[in-house]
C-alpha cells in the first residue's frame, strides 16, 4: 500500500528516470484520496498526471489527515 505522499514521490522519481514507465496506483484508497486537497485522477487513457506544483506537487488536507491520526494537526 501507499499514501498520496508516496505516490507523488513515486511519480516524481519515475519522471526523472528515463527507463521508468509505470507507477503502481491502487484505488480506491483513503490513504491516497483523502489526505490531499486535490486527489489524483486518471485521465482518459488511464494515466496519472505528474504534479507540477512546488515540492512533490501535492497539498496535504489537514481534515483528511486527522481521520488517520489521533494527534491534532494544524497547517
N, C-alpha and C. Protein backbone atom coordinates (compact mmCIF):
# COMPACT_ATOMS: atom_id res chain seq x y z
N UNK A 1 0.84 -1.18 0.00
CA UNK A 1 0.00 0.00 0.00
C UNK A 1 0.87 1.23 0.00
N UNK A 2 0.24 2.35 -0.28
CA UNK A 2 0.97 3.60 -0.38
C UNK A 2 0.07 4.73 0.11
N UNK A 3 0.64 5.89 0.26
CA UNK A 3 -0.13 7.08 0.59
C UNK A 3 -0.02 8.06 -0.57
N UNK A 4 -0.76 9.16 -0.50
CA UNK A 4 -0.66 10.19 -1.54
C UNK A 4 0.75 10.77 -1.60
N UNK A 5 1.40 10.88 -0.46
CA UNK A 5 2.77 11.41 -0.42
C UNK A 5 3.71 10.44 -1.14
N UNK A 6 3.57 9.16 -0.85
CA UNK A 6 4.40 8.15 -1.52
C UNK A 6 4.13 8.10 -3.01
N UNK A 7 2.86 8.20 -3.40
CA UNK A 7 2.52 8.18 -4.82
C UNK A 7 3.11 9.38 -5.53
N UNK A 8 3.03 10.57 -4.92
CA UNK A 8 3.62 11.76 -5.53
C UNK A 8 5.14 11.59 -5.69
N UNK A 9 5.79 11.01 -4.68
CA UNK A 9 7.23 10.77 -4.77
C UNK A 9 7.53 9.74 -5.85
N UNK A 10 6.72 8.69 -5.95
CA UNK A 10 6.91 7.68 -6.99
C UNK A 10 6.79 8.30 -8.38
N UNK A 11 5.79 9.17 -8.57
CA UNK A 11 5.61 9.83 -9.87
C UNK A 11 6.79 10.73 -10.20
N UNK A 12 7.29 11.48 -9.21
CA UNK A 12 8.44 12.36 -9.43
C UNK A 12 9.67 11.54 -9.81
N UNK A 13 9.89 10.43 -9.12
CA UNK A 13 11.04 9.58 -9.43
C UNK A 13 10.90 8.98 -10.82
N UNK A 14 9.72 8.47 -11.14
CA UNK A 14 9.50 7.87 -12.46
C UNK A 14 9.72 8.90 -13.57
N UNK A 15 9.33 10.14 -13.33
CA UNK A 15 9.52 11.19 -14.33
C UNK A 15 11.00 11.52 -14.53
N UNK A 16 11.81 11.31 -13.49
CA UNK A 16 13.23 11.65 -13.56
C UNK A 16 14.10 10.52 -14.11
N UNK A 17 13.56 9.31 -14.16
CA UNK A 17 14.33 8.16 -14.62
C UNK A 17 13.87 7.80 -16.03
N UNK A 18 14.73 7.92 -17.01
CA UNK A 18 14.31 7.73 -18.40
C UNK A 18 13.68 6.37 -18.71
N UNK A 19 14.07 5.33 -18.01
CA UNK A 19 13.54 3.99 -18.32
C UNK A 19 12.32 3.62 -17.49
N UNK A 20 11.91 4.47 -16.56
CA UNK A 20 10.74 4.18 -15.74
C UNK A 20 9.48 4.45 -16.56
N UNK A 21 8.57 3.49 -16.57
CA UNK A 21 7.36 3.66 -17.37
C UNK A 21 6.09 3.57 -16.53
N UNK A 22 6.14 2.90 -15.40
CA UNK A 22 4.92 2.63 -14.65
C UNK A 22 5.09 2.95 -13.17
N UNK A 23 4.00 3.37 -12.56
CA UNK A 23 3.91 3.56 -11.12
C UNK A 23 2.64 2.86 -10.67
N UNK A 24 2.74 2.07 -9.62
CA UNK A 24 1.56 1.37 -9.12
C UNK A 24 0.61 2.35 -8.46
N UNK A 25 -0.66 2.25 -8.82
CA UNK A 25 -1.69 3.13 -8.26
C UNK A 25 -2.90 2.28 -7.92
N UNK A 26 -3.15 2.12 -6.64
CA UNK A 26 -4.28 1.32 -6.18
C UNK A 26 -5.42 2.25 -5.78
N UNK A 27 -6.59 1.99 -6.28
CA UNK A 27 -7.75 2.81 -5.95
C UNK A 27 -8.96 1.92 -5.82
N UNK A 28 -9.87 2.16 -4.95
CA UNK A 28 -9.90 3.27 -4.00
C UNK A 28 -8.97 3.04 -2.83
N UNK A 29 -8.42 4.11 -2.32
CA UNK A 29 -7.54 4.05 -1.16
C UNK A 29 -7.66 5.36 -0.38
N UNK A 30 -8.25 5.32 0.81
CA UNK A 30 -8.39 6.56 1.58
C UNK A 30 -7.05 7.21 1.90
N UNK A 31 -5.98 6.42 2.03
CA UNK A 31 -4.66 7.00 2.31
C UNK A 31 -4.12 7.80 1.13
N UNK A 32 -4.67 7.55 -0.05
CA UNK A 32 -4.27 8.32 -1.23
C UNK A 32 -5.28 9.43 -1.50
N UNK A 33 -6.54 9.09 -1.47
CA UNK A 33 -7.56 10.02 -1.92
C UNK A 33 -8.03 11.03 -0.88
N UNK A 34 -7.90 10.73 0.39
CA UNK A 34 -8.48 11.59 1.41
C UNK A 34 -7.50 12.49 2.14
N UNK A 35 -6.20 12.36 1.91
CA UNK A 35 -5.25 13.16 2.68
C UNK A 35 -4.67 14.33 1.91
N UNK A 36 -5.09 14.51 0.65
CA UNK A 36 -4.61 15.65 -0.12
C UNK A 36 -5.79 16.50 -0.58
N UNK A 37 -5.51 17.79 -0.78
CA UNK A 37 -6.57 18.74 -1.15
C UNK A 37 -7.18 18.42 -2.51
N UNK A 38 -6.35 18.06 -3.48
CA UNK A 38 -6.82 17.71 -4.82
C UNK A 38 -6.40 16.27 -5.11
N UNK A 39 -7.34 15.34 -5.05
CA UNK A 39 -6.98 13.93 -5.27
C UNK A 39 -6.46 13.66 -6.68
N UNK A 40 -5.65 12.63 -6.79
CA UNK A 40 -5.19 12.18 -8.10
C UNK A 40 -6.38 11.66 -8.90
N UNK A 41 -6.33 11.85 -10.20
CA UNK A 41 -7.37 11.33 -11.08
C UNK A 41 -6.73 10.74 -12.32
N UNK A 42 -7.28 9.64 -12.77
CA UNK A 42 -6.82 9.05 -14.02
C UNK A 42 -7.37 9.85 -15.19
N UNK A 43 -6.55 10.02 -16.24
CA UNK A 43 -7.04 10.72 -17.42
C UNK A 43 -7.80 9.74 -18.33
N UNK A 44 -8.16 10.18 -19.51
CA UNK A 44 -8.94 9.35 -20.44
C UNK A 44 -8.21 8.07 -20.85
N UNK A 45 -6.89 8.10 -20.79
CA UNK A 45 -6.09 6.94 -21.17
C UNK A 45 -5.75 6.06 -19.96
N UNK A 46 -6.26 6.42 -18.79
CA UNK A 46 -5.97 5.66 -17.59
C UNK A 46 -4.62 5.97 -16.97
N UNK A 47 -4.08 7.15 -17.27
CA UNK A 47 -2.77 7.56 -16.76
C UNK A 47 -2.93 8.67 -15.73
N UNK A 48 -1.97 8.75 -14.81
CA UNK A 48 -1.94 9.84 -13.83
C UNK A 48 -1.05 10.97 -14.35
N UNK A 49 -1.48 12.19 -14.09
CA UNK A 49 -0.66 13.34 -14.43
C UNK A 49 0.34 13.57 -13.29
N UNK A 50 1.57 13.86 -13.65
CA UNK A 50 2.59 14.13 -12.64
C UNK A 50 2.37 15.54 -12.10
N UNK A 51 2.21 15.69 -10.78
CA UNK A 51 2.00 17.03 -10.22
C UNK A 51 3.18 17.96 -10.54
N UNK A 52 2.87 19.22 -10.78
CA UNK A 52 3.92 20.17 -11.15
C UNK A 52 4.09 21.31 -10.15
N UNK A 53 3.33 21.32 -9.08
CA UNK A 53 3.49 22.36 -8.06
C UNK A 53 4.80 22.15 -7.30
N UNK A 54 5.12 23.08 -6.43
CA UNK A 54 6.37 23.00 -5.65
C UNK A 54 6.44 21.72 -4.83
N UNK A 55 7.65 21.32 -4.54
CA UNK A 55 7.86 20.09 -3.74
C UNK A 55 7.40 18.87 -4.52
N UNK A 56 6.60 18.05 -3.87
CA UNK A 56 6.07 16.86 -4.54
C UNK A 56 4.82 17.17 -5.36
N UNK A 57 4.37 18.43 -5.32
CA UNK A 57 3.26 18.84 -6.15
C UNK A 57 1.89 18.58 -5.55
N UNK A 58 1.83 18.24 -4.28
CA UNK A 58 0.54 17.99 -3.63
C UNK A 58 0.40 18.90 -2.42
N UNK A 59 -0.85 19.13 -2.02
CA UNK A 59 -1.14 19.90 -0.81
C UNK A 59 -1.88 18.98 0.16
N UNK A 60 -1.33 18.80 1.33
CA UNK A 60 -1.98 17.94 2.32
C UNK A 60 -3.24 18.59 2.85
N UNK A 61 -4.25 17.78 3.14
CA UNK A 61 -5.52 18.24 3.68
C UNK A 61 -5.56 17.90 5.17
N UNK A 62 -5.48 18.90 6.05
CA UNK A 62 -5.45 18.64 7.49
C UNK A 62 -6.66 17.82 7.98
N UNK A 63 -7.84 18.09 7.45
CA UNK A 63 -9.02 17.34 7.87
C UNK A 63 -8.91 15.88 7.44
N UNK A 64 -8.40 15.66 6.25
CA UNK A 64 -8.20 14.29 5.79
C UNK A 64 -7.16 13.55 6.60
N UNK A 65 -6.07 14.23 6.92
CA UNK A 65 -5.02 13.63 7.74
C UNK A 65 -5.53 13.29 9.13
N UNK A 66 -6.39 14.16 9.66
CA UNK A 66 -6.92 13.95 11.01
C UNK A 66 -7.72 12.65 11.12
N UNK A 67 -8.28 12.18 10.03
CA UNK A 67 -9.04 10.93 10.04
C UNK A 67 -8.15 9.73 10.39
N UNK A 68 -6.87 9.84 10.12
CA UNK A 68 -5.95 8.71 10.26
C UNK A 68 -4.94 8.89 11.38
N UNK A 69 -5.16 9.87 12.24
CA UNK A 69 -4.26 10.09 13.37
C UNK A 69 -5.05 10.57 14.57
N UNK A 70 -4.51 10.38 15.73
CA UNK A 70 -5.17 10.90 16.93
C UNK A 70 -4.41 12.11 17.48
N UNK A 71 -3.56 12.70 16.64
CA UNK A 71 -2.82 13.88 17.02
C UNK A 71 -3.42 15.08 16.27
N UNK A 72 -3.80 16.15 16.93
CA UNK A 72 -4.33 17.31 16.24
C UNK A 72 -3.31 17.89 15.29
N UNK A 73 -3.73 18.17 14.08
CA UNK A 73 -2.82 18.72 13.06
C UNK A 73 -3.24 20.14 12.71
N UNK A 74 -2.26 21.03 12.60
CA UNK A 74 -2.51 22.38 12.14
C UNK A 74 -1.51 22.71 11.06
N UNK A 75 -1.95 23.43 10.08
CA UNK A 75 -1.05 23.84 8.97
C UNK A 75 -1.29 25.28 8.66
